Amino acid sequence: MTTPVTIIGAGLGGLTLARVLHVHGIPAKVYEAETSPTARTQGGMLDIHDHNGQPALKAAGLFDRFLGLVHEGGEAIRVLDMRGSVLFDRSDDGGGKRPEVLRGRLRQILLDSLPAGTIEWGRKVAAARPLGAGRHELTFADGSTVTTGLLVGADGAWSRVRPLLSAAKPEYVGTVFVETYLFDSDERHPASAKAVGGGSMFALAPGKGIVAHREPDGVLHTYVQLNKAREWSDGIDFTDAGKATARVAEEFDGWAPELTALITDGETAPVLRILHALPAGHRWDRVPGVTLLGDAAHLTLPSGEGANLAMFDGAELGKAIAAHPDDVEAALTAYEDSLFPRSAEAAAEAAELLPLYLNDEAPQSLVDMFTGADPGDDGPRR
C-alpha cells in the first residue's frame, strides 16, 4: 500500500495503528484536533495487560521502551470502608501481568516512534462524507478538506467518523467521576498518603466511592465516584472550584478525614467526568473504506480495558492491513470479524465490574471479588 492510511485521533489507539503500519512500511497520516501533544493533561495511571496492551506494544516494537516506564509497586491494591478501615490489602508481587505506567509517558513513546510529519495537530474534523467506491471526504473546522481511500476513526466517544458506519450514540450510564490531585503527598498529606498506600485504593459505600491511585513522585490522583441523576451534576458550577469541591465533599459527610481530604485538599480544580457508553455489542455492517477502533467503536464503562483495547485494536488493524496491502476490504473484514466479539465480551465484563464499586453491598462486594478471583487478576480499574 503506497497511499497513506488516514487516522482520525492521536490517542493511544490511533498512534499504535500508525506505529504498526510504519513497522510494516505502510504510510499513515494522523489528524488530531488538539493543537499540540501538550495541549491538555493526558490522565493518570494505566495498567497495561499482558493479554492485549502488552502484545500491542510488542507488535509496535516498543515493548522494551514501555518496560522503562513501569511504576514499581503500582499494582498494589487495597479496599477500605468509609471509616478508613482496611478490608483488603494486596502488595505488588512484581509479576508484571498488569504493570502501571502514566498515560502521558506511554503516549509520548508512541509519538516519538513515528516519522516527522505523520501527525497534523489542530485539525479538528467537522464532517465526514462518503464519495463512493470506498473513498471519503473529511472537512476540518478551518474549512479545508482531504479525501482518502482508507479512513479509520480513532477519535473517541464522540467520534465524527462513527456516523459513516452506525447511528449509535453514547448514553449516560448513571455514574459520574470527579477527579482531584494531591502533590508531594508523603510530606504534605501524610494521612491520605498512608490511606492510599502504594498503588490503588478503593474506599466505597453504596452509591459512592473515593478511588485513588499513587502516581510517581508522591502524586495522589483521585476519582470520586457517584451514582447520580444527570440533574445533580448539571446543578453544580464546576467553573467555581471552591463551591464545586464543597458540594462533592458533602456527599461524603461522616467519612474518615484522611479520605475526604483527597477531595477537600485537592490542589487542582475538580474535573467532572460524566460516564457514557455505547450499546453493548455495538457493531455495524461493512462499509467500504472505513472502520473504527477504541472508544469510537466500543465505548464502555470503566474497567481498566479501554486503553488496552484501543491499542490492541490499533495493532490488530495494522497487522490486517499489512497482511492484505492490496485489498482494503479483506483487511477491514478480517479486523472487524475479530473486533466485534472481542469488544462485546469486554463490554459485558465492564457492565458487571463497575457496579461492584457502588452496589448495595459495597465495599464487601469488591472484597469478595478480589478474594474469590485468580491471584493474578487485578480486577476493575479506571
Protein backbone atom coordinates (compact mmCIF):
# COMPACT_ATOMS: atom_id res chain seq x y z
CA MET A 1 0.00 0.00 0.00
CA THR A 2 1.53 3.32 -1.07
CA THR A 3 -1.26 5.81 -0.26
CA PRO A 4 -1.40 6.78 3.42
CA VAL A 5 -3.97 5.32 5.78
CA THR A 6 -5.94 8.24 7.21
CA ILE A 7 -6.33 8.07 11.00
CA ILE A 8 -8.51 10.50 12.93
CA GLY A 9 -7.29 10.89 16.50
CA ALA A 10 -3.84 10.78 18.12
CA GLY A 11 -4.81 8.84 21.20
CA LEU A 12 -3.18 5.56 22.17
CA GLY A 13 -5.20 3.51 19.68
CA GLY A 14 -4.63 5.73 16.67
CA LEU A 15 -0.93 6.10 17.43
CA THR A 16 -0.49 2.34 17.88
CA LEU A 17 -2.09 1.82 14.47
CA ALA A 18 0.19 4.41 12.89
CA ARG A 19 3.26 2.84 14.51
CA VAL A 20 2.41 -0.75 13.48
CA LEU A 21 1.79 0.44 9.92
CA HIS A 22 5.18 2.20 10.00
CA VAL A 23 6.86 -1.01 11.19
CA HIS A 24 5.42 -2.71 8.09
CA GLY A 25 6.45 0.10 5.75
CA ILE A 26 2.91 1.42 5.23
CA PRO A 27 2.45 5.22 5.40
CA ALA A 28 -0.16 6.79 7.65
CA LYS A 29 -1.44 10.29 8.28
CA VAL A 30 -2.91 11.18 11.66
CA TYR A 31 -5.19 14.19 12.10
CA GLU A 32 -5.65 15.37 15.69
CA ALA A 33 -7.99 18.09 16.97
CA GLU A 34 -5.68 19.12 19.82
CA THR A 35 -3.23 21.84 18.92
CA SER A 36 -0.14 20.09 20.28
CA PRO A 37 0.93 16.99 22.24
CA THR A 38 0.84 19.05 25.43
CA ALA A 39 -2.43 20.88 24.83
CA ARG A 40 -4.04 19.08 27.77
CA THR A 41 -3.08 16.67 30.53
CA GLN A 42 -3.18 13.03 29.49
CA GLY A 43 -4.78 11.40 32.53
CA GLY A 44 -3.30 9.18 35.21
CA MET A 45 -2.01 5.65 35.59
CA LEU A 46 -2.87 2.80 33.23
CA ASP A 47 -2.45 -0.88 33.96
CA ILE A 48 -1.19 -2.44 30.74
CA HIS A 49 -2.44 -6.01 30.45
CA ASP A 50 -0.41 -8.99 29.34
CA HIS A 51 -3.18 -10.28 27.04
CA ASN A 52 -3.87 -7.15 24.97
CA GLY A 53 -1.98 -3.94 25.78
CA GLN A 54 1.41 -5.61 26.05
CA PRO A 55 1.06 -7.64 22.81
CA ALA A 56 0.07 -4.42 21.05
CA LEU A 57 3.28 -2.74 22.22
CA LYS A 58 5.27 -5.77 21.10
CA ALA A 59 3.68 -5.52 17.64
CA ALA A 60 4.69 -1.86 17.63
CA GLY A 61 8.28 -2.76 18.56
CA LEU A 62 8.07 -0.63 21.72
CA PHE A 63 7.80 -3.19 24.49
CA ASP A 64 11.30 -2.64 25.89
CA ARG A 65 10.75 1.13 26.00
CA PHE A 66 7.44 0.52 27.76
CA LEU A 67 9.18 -1.53 30.46
CA GLY A 68 11.32 1.50 31.24
CA LEU A 69 8.16 3.45 32.15
CA VAL A 70 6.74 0.97 34.67
CA HIS A 71 5.89 2.40 38.10
CA GLU A 72 7.22 -0.17 40.54
CA GLY A 73 4.76 -1.09 43.26
CA GLY A 74 1.83 0.33 41.33
CA GLU A 75 -0.06 -2.97 41.14
CA ALA A 76 -0.78 -2.91 44.89
CA ILE A 77 -4.49 -2.80 45.80
CA ARG A 78 -6.42 -2.05 48.95
CA VAL A 79 -10.13 -1.73 49.77
CA LEU A 80 -11.34 0.45 52.64
CA ASP A 81 -14.69 1.27 54.18
CA MET A 82 -15.91 4.80 54.83
CA ARG A 83 -14.22 4.85 58.25
CA GLY A 84 -10.85 4.13 56.67
CA SER A 85 -10.65 0.54 57.92
CA VAL A 86 -8.65 -1.70 55.58
CA LEU A 87 -10.75 -4.64 54.40
CA PHE A 88 -8.40 -5.99 51.75
CA ASP A 89 -4.74 -5.31 51.08
CA ARG A 90 -2.52 -6.89 48.43
CA SER A 91 1.00 -5.78 47.61
CA ASP A 92 2.54 -5.63 44.16
CA ASP A 93 4.18 -9.01 43.62
CA GLY A 94 6.23 -7.75 40.68
CA GLY A 95 4.74 -10.36 38.35
CA GLY A 96 4.16 -7.85 35.58
CA LYS A 97 0.73 -9.07 34.42
CA ARG A 98 -0.64 -5.53 34.64
CA PRO A 99 2.24 -3.10 35.25
CA GLU A 100 1.34 0.54 35.79
CA VAL A 101 2.52 3.43 33.63
CA LEU A 102 1.50 7.04 33.22
CA ARG A 103 -0.72 7.52 30.17
CA GLY A 104 1.17 10.63 29.07
CA ARG A 105 4.53 8.89 29.11
CA LEU A 106 3.16 5.92 27.21
CA ARG A 107 1.66 8.23 24.61
CA GLN A 108 5.00 10.01 24.26
CA ILE A 109 6.93 6.87 23.31
CA LEU A 110 4.35 6.27 20.59
CA LEU A 111 4.65 9.85 19.37
CA ASP A 112 8.45 9.64 19.35
CA SER A 113 8.32 6.42 17.30
CA LEU A 114 6.61 8.00 14.29
CA PRO A 115 8.29 9.77 11.37
CA ALA A 116 8.22 13.55 11.42
CA GLY A 117 5.09 14.93 9.77
CA THR A 118 2.94 11.87 10.46
CA ILE A 119 0.65 13.89 12.74
CA GLU A 120 -1.10 17.14 11.87
CA TRP A 121 -2.14 18.95 15.05
CA GLY A 122 -5.05 21.38 15.35
CA ARG A 123 -7.02 19.52 12.67
CA LYS A 124 -10.50 19.08 14.10
CA VAL A 125 -12.88 17.11 11.88
CA ALA A 126 -16.19 18.89 11.38
CA ALA A 127 -17.78 16.40 8.98
CA ALA A 128 -17.13 13.23 7.03
CA ARG A 129 -18.99 12.07 3.94
CA PRO A 130 -18.78 9.16 1.51
CA LEU A 131 -17.74 9.80 -2.07
CA GLY A 132 -18.39 6.29 -3.35
CA ALA A 133 -16.09 3.40 -4.25
CA GLY A 134 -14.75 3.29 -0.68
CA ARG A 135 -13.48 6.88 -0.67
CA HIS A 136 -14.41 9.53 1.87
CA GLU A 137 -14.02 13.27 2.25
CA LEU A 138 -13.17 14.92 5.56
CA THR A 139 -13.95 18.56 6.23
CA PHE A 140 -11.99 20.25 9.01
CA ALA A 141 -13.07 23.11 11.25
CA ASP A 142 -11.00 25.55 9.22
CA GLY A 143 -12.90 24.60 6.06
CA SER A 144 -10.11 22.57 4.45
CA THR A 145 -10.77 19.07 3.12
CA VAL A 146 -8.93 15.83 2.40
CA THR A 147 -10.03 12.67 0.67
CA THR A 148 -8.93 9.14 1.49
CA GLY A 149 -9.40 5.55 0.39
CA LEU A 150 -8.92 4.11 3.89
CA LEU A 151 -10.34 6.05 6.82
CA VAL A 152 -10.01 4.98 10.47
CA GLY A 153 -11.99 6.66 13.23
CA ALA A 154 -9.82 6.60 16.36
CA ASP A 155 -11.48 9.76 17.61
CA GLY A 156 -13.07 8.61 20.83
CA ALA A 157 -16.50 8.63 22.40
CA TRP A 158 -17.95 11.42 20.25
CA SER A 159 -16.41 10.24 17.01
CA ARG A 160 -17.10 12.24 13.85
CA VAL A 161 -16.32 9.15 11.80
CA ARG A 162 -18.76 6.77 13.53
CA PRO A 163 -21.89 8.15 11.75
CA LEU A 164 -20.49 6.80 8.47
CA LEU A 165 -21.00 3.33 9.92
CA SER A 166 -23.52 3.49 12.74
CA ALA A 167 -26.32 5.63 14.14
CA ALA A 168 -25.43 4.60 17.71
CA LYS A 169 -24.64 7.36 20.22
CA PRO A 170 -23.17 7.10 23.72
CA GLU A 171 -25.71 7.33 26.54
CA TYR A 172 -25.29 8.39 30.16
CA VAL A 173 -24.84 5.37 32.44
CA GLY A 174 -25.91 6.99 35.72
CA THR A 175 -22.47 7.49 37.25
CA VAL A 176 -20.14 10.48 37.42
CA PHE A 177 -16.47 10.70 38.35
CA VAL A 178 -14.79 13.79 39.77
CA GLU A 179 -11.00 14.00 39.51
CA THR A 180 -8.71 15.69 42.03
CA TYR A 181 -4.96 15.62 42.75
CA LEU A 182 -2.68 15.92 45.77
CA PHE A 183 1.04 16.56 45.24
CA ASP A 184 4.08 15.71 47.36
CA SER A 185 1.66 13.67 49.43
CA ASP A 186 4.08 11.88 51.74
CA GLU A 187 5.32 15.20 53.08
CA ARG A 188 2.26 17.42 52.79
CA HIS A 189 -0.65 14.94 53.10
CA PRO A 190 0.77 12.01 55.08
CA ALA A 191 -2.55 10.68 56.40
CA SER A 192 -4.07 10.49 52.93
CA ALA A 193 -0.86 9.03 51.52
CA LYS A 194 -0.90 6.31 54.16
CA ALA A 195 -4.55 5.52 53.43
CA VAL A 196 -3.93 5.17 49.69
CA GLY A 197 -0.81 3.03 50.08
CA GLY A 198 1.48 2.18 47.19
CA GLY A 199 -0.99 1.54 44.38
CA SER A 200 -4.78 1.65 44.02
CA MET A 201 -7.15 2.38 46.90
CA PHE A 202 -10.93 1.84 46.79
CA ALA A 203 -12.92 3.41 49.65
CA LEU A 204 -16.52 2.52 48.97
CA ALA A 205 -20.11 2.61 50.18
CA PRO A 206 -23.41 2.00 48.41
CA GLY A 207 -23.77 4.52 45.57
CA LYS A 208 -20.50 6.36 46.20
CA GLY A 209 -16.77 5.90 46.47
CA ILE A 210 -13.39 7.60 46.72
CA VAL A 211 -10.91 5.79 44.49
CA ALA A 212 -7.30 6.95 44.41
CA HIS A 213 -4.03 5.89 42.88
CA ARG A 214 -0.46 6.68 43.81
CA GLU A 215 1.48 8.02 40.85
CA PRO A 216 5.23 8.68 40.64
CA ASP A 217 6.74 11.49 42.74
CA GLY A 218 4.17 11.23 45.52
CA VAL A 219 1.16 12.28 43.43
CA LEU A 220 -2.25 11.02 44.59
CA HIS A 221 -4.80 11.01 41.76
CA THR A 222 -8.37 10.64 42.99
CA TYR A 223 -11.55 9.66 41.18
CA VAL A 224 -14.64 10.36 43.26
CA GLN A 225 -17.46 8.10 42.06
CA LEU A 226 -21.15 8.85 42.50
CA ASN A 227 -24.33 7.28 41.19
CA LYS A 228 -26.37 10.36 40.37
CA ALA A 229 -29.11 11.55 38.07
CA ARG A 230 -27.79 13.84 35.38
CA GLU A 231 -29.52 16.78 37.06
CA TRP A 232 -27.13 16.51 40.02
CA SER A 233 -24.01 17.35 38.02
CA ASP A 234 -25.90 19.82 35.85
CA GLY A 235 -26.70 21.73 39.03
CA ILE A 236 -23.05 22.24 40.04
CA ASP A 237 -20.94 25.02 38.57
CA PHE A 238 -17.57 23.33 38.12
CA THR A 239 -16.06 26.61 36.94
CA ASP A 240 -16.22 27.64 40.63
CA ALA A 241 -13.67 25.20 42.03
CA GLY A 242 -14.31 26.03 45.68
CA LYS A 243 -18.07 25.61 45.56
CA ALA A 244 -17.84 22.50 43.39
CA THR A 245 -15.35 20.88 45.77
CA ALA A 246 -17.54 21.67 48.77
CA ARG A 247 -20.61 20.24 47.05
CA VAL A 248 -18.86 16.99 46.15
CA ALA A 249 -17.41 16.70 49.65
CA GLU A 250 -20.92 16.98 51.12
CA GLU A 251 -21.68 13.57 49.65
CA PHE A 252 -19.06 12.08 51.97
CA ASP A 253 -20.11 13.66 55.25
CA GLY A 254 -19.02 11.41 58.12
CA TRP A 255 -16.26 9.65 56.19
CA ALA A 256 -12.74 9.37 57.59
CA PRO A 257 -10.89 12.70 57.26
CA GLU A 258 -7.88 11.11 55.55
CA LEU A 259 -10.30 10.05 52.80
CA THR A 260 -12.31 13.26 52.46
CA ALA A 261 -9.03 15.20 52.37
CA LEU A 262 -8.46 13.63 48.95
CA ILE A 263 -11.34 15.88 47.86
CA THR A 264 -11.17 18.93 50.12
CA ASP A 265 -7.39 19.35 49.94
CA GLY A 266 -7.29 18.91 46.18
CA GLU A 267 -4.61 21.06 44.58
CA THR A 268 -6.20 21.27 41.16
CA ALA A 269 -9.70 22.32 40.22
CA PRO A 270 -12.08 19.34 40.36
CA VAL A 271 -12.82 17.89 36.92
CA LEU A 272 -16.21 16.33 36.20
CA ARG A 273 -16.31 13.14 34.11
CA ILE A 274 -19.83 12.13 33.06
CA LEU A 275 -19.73 8.45 32.11
CA HIS A 276 -21.29 7.35 28.82
CA ALA A 277 -21.30 4.05 26.96
CA LEU A 278 -22.29 2.74 23.56
CA PRO A 279 -24.81 -0.11 23.42
CA ALA A 280 -23.30 -3.42 24.49
CA GLY A 281 -22.25 -5.43 21.47
CA HIS A 282 -22.14 -2.36 19.23
CA ARG A 283 -21.34 -3.36 15.66
CA TRP A 284 -22.04 -2.25 12.09
CA ASP A 285 -22.34 -3.62 8.58
CA ARG A 286 -19.20 -3.48 6.46
CA VAL A 287 -18.92 -0.10 4.76
CA PRO A 288 -16.18 0.11 2.11
CA GLY A 289 -13.09 2.10 3.03
CA VAL A 290 -13.81 2.97 6.67
CA THR A 291 -13.65 1.42 10.15
CA LEU A 292 -13.33 2.36 13.84
CA LEU A 293 -11.16 1.47 16.80
CA GLY A 294 -11.07 2.12 20.54
CA ASP A 295 -13.84 4.17 22.17
CA ALA A 296 -15.14 5.21 18.76
CA ALA A 297 -16.01 1.56 18.20
CA HIS A 298 -16.88 0.26 21.67
CA LEU A 299 -17.07 2.89 24.42
CA THR A 300 -17.82 1.00 27.64
CA LEU A 301 -17.96 1.53 31.38
CA PRO A 302 -14.54 1.99 33.02
CA SER A 303 -12.95 -1.39 33.70
CA GLY A 304 -9.25 -0.92 33.02
CA GLU A 305 -9.66 -2.27 29.48
CA GLY A 306 -10.28 0.91 27.48
CA ALA A 307 -6.70 1.92 26.69
CA ASN A 308 -5.61 -1.70 26.35
CA LEU A 309 -8.38 -2.48 23.88
CA ALA A 310 -7.68 0.67 21.86
CA MET A 311 -4.01 -0.26 21.49
CA PHE A 312 -4.87 -3.86 20.68
CA ASP A 313 -7.42 -2.69 18.09
CA GLY A 314 -4.76 -0.47 16.52
CA ALA A 315 -2.20 -3.26 16.42
CA GLU A 316 -4.65 -5.80 15.01
CA LEU A 317 -5.88 -3.41 12.34
CA GLY A 318 -2.32 -2.52 11.40
CA LYS A 319 -1.41 -6.20 11.06
CA ALA A 320 -4.53 -6.89 8.99
CA ILE A 321 -3.69 -4.07 6.57
CA ALA A 322 -0.11 -5.34 6.33
CA ALA A 323 -1.42 -8.84 5.57
CA HIS A 324 -3.72 -7.51 2.79
CA PRO A 325 -1.88 -4.44 1.45
CA ASP A 326 -3.64 -4.57 -1.91
CA ASP A 327 -7.11 -5.47 -0.66
CA VAL A 328 -8.52 -2.92 1.78
CA GLU A 329 -11.85 -4.70 2.15
CA ALA A 330 -10.22 -8.02 3.01
CA ALA A 331 -8.16 -6.25 5.68
CA LEU A 332 -11.13 -4.45 7.21
CA THR A 333 -13.31 -7.56 7.14
CA ALA A 334 -10.66 -9.64 8.90
CA TYR A 335 -10.18 -6.92 11.52
CA GLU A 336 -13.89 -6.42 12.23
CA ASP A 337 -14.60 -10.16 12.37
CA SER A 338 -12.33 -10.27 15.43
CA LEU A 339 -13.17 -6.81 16.77
CA PHE A 340 -16.88 -7.36 17.31
CA PRO A 341 -16.77 -10.46 19.56
CA ARG A 342 -13.74 -9.08 21.43
CA SER A 343 -15.39 -5.76 22.20
CA ALA A 344 -18.75 -7.36 23.07
CA GLU A 345 -17.05 -9.58 25.65
CA ALA A 346 -15.22 -6.60 27.14
CA ALA A 347 -18.44 -4.58 27.35
CA ALA A 348 -20.23 -7.41 29.14
CA GLU A 349 -17.40 -7.73 31.66
CA ALA A 350 -17.34 -3.97 32.26
CA ALA A 351 -21.09 -3.96 32.89
CA GLU A 352 -20.51 -6.49 35.68
CA LEU A 353 -17.43 -4.86 37.20
CA LEU A 354 -18.31 -1.20 37.77
CA PRO A 355 -21.43 -1.97 39.87
CA LEU A 356 -19.20 -3.87 42.31
CA TYR A 357 -17.86 -0.49 43.41
CA LEU A 358 -21.20 1.08 44.19
CA ASN A 359 -23.90 -1.55 44.71
CA ASP A 360 -25.82 -2.07 47.94
CA GLU A 361 -23.14 -4.48 49.24
CA ALA A 362 -20.18 -2.17 48.64
CA PRO A 363 -17.41 -2.35 49.73
CA GLN A 364 -17.83 -6.03 50.59
CA SER A 365 -18.82 -6.82 47.01
CA LEU A 366 -15.40 -5.69 45.77
CA VAL A 367 -13.59 -7.50 48.58
CA ASP A 368 -15.44 -10.68 47.64
CA MET A 369 -14.40 -10.28 44.02
CA PHE A 370 -10.75 -9.85 44.90
CA THR A 371 -10.64 -12.69 47.39
CA GLY A 372 -12.51 -15.02 45.06
CA ALA A 373 -10.57 -14.10 41.91
CA ASP A 374 -7.45 -15.64 40.45
CA PRO A 375 -4.47 -14.13 42.34
CA GLY A 376 -3.19 -12.65 39.10
CA ASP A 377 -6.44 -10.81 38.39
CA ASP A 378 -6.20 -7.19 39.46
CA GLY A 379 -9.89 -6.64 38.84
CA PRO A 380 -11.53 -3.38 37.87
CA ARG A 381 -9.55 -0.20 37.48
CA ARG A 382 -10.12 3.21 35.97
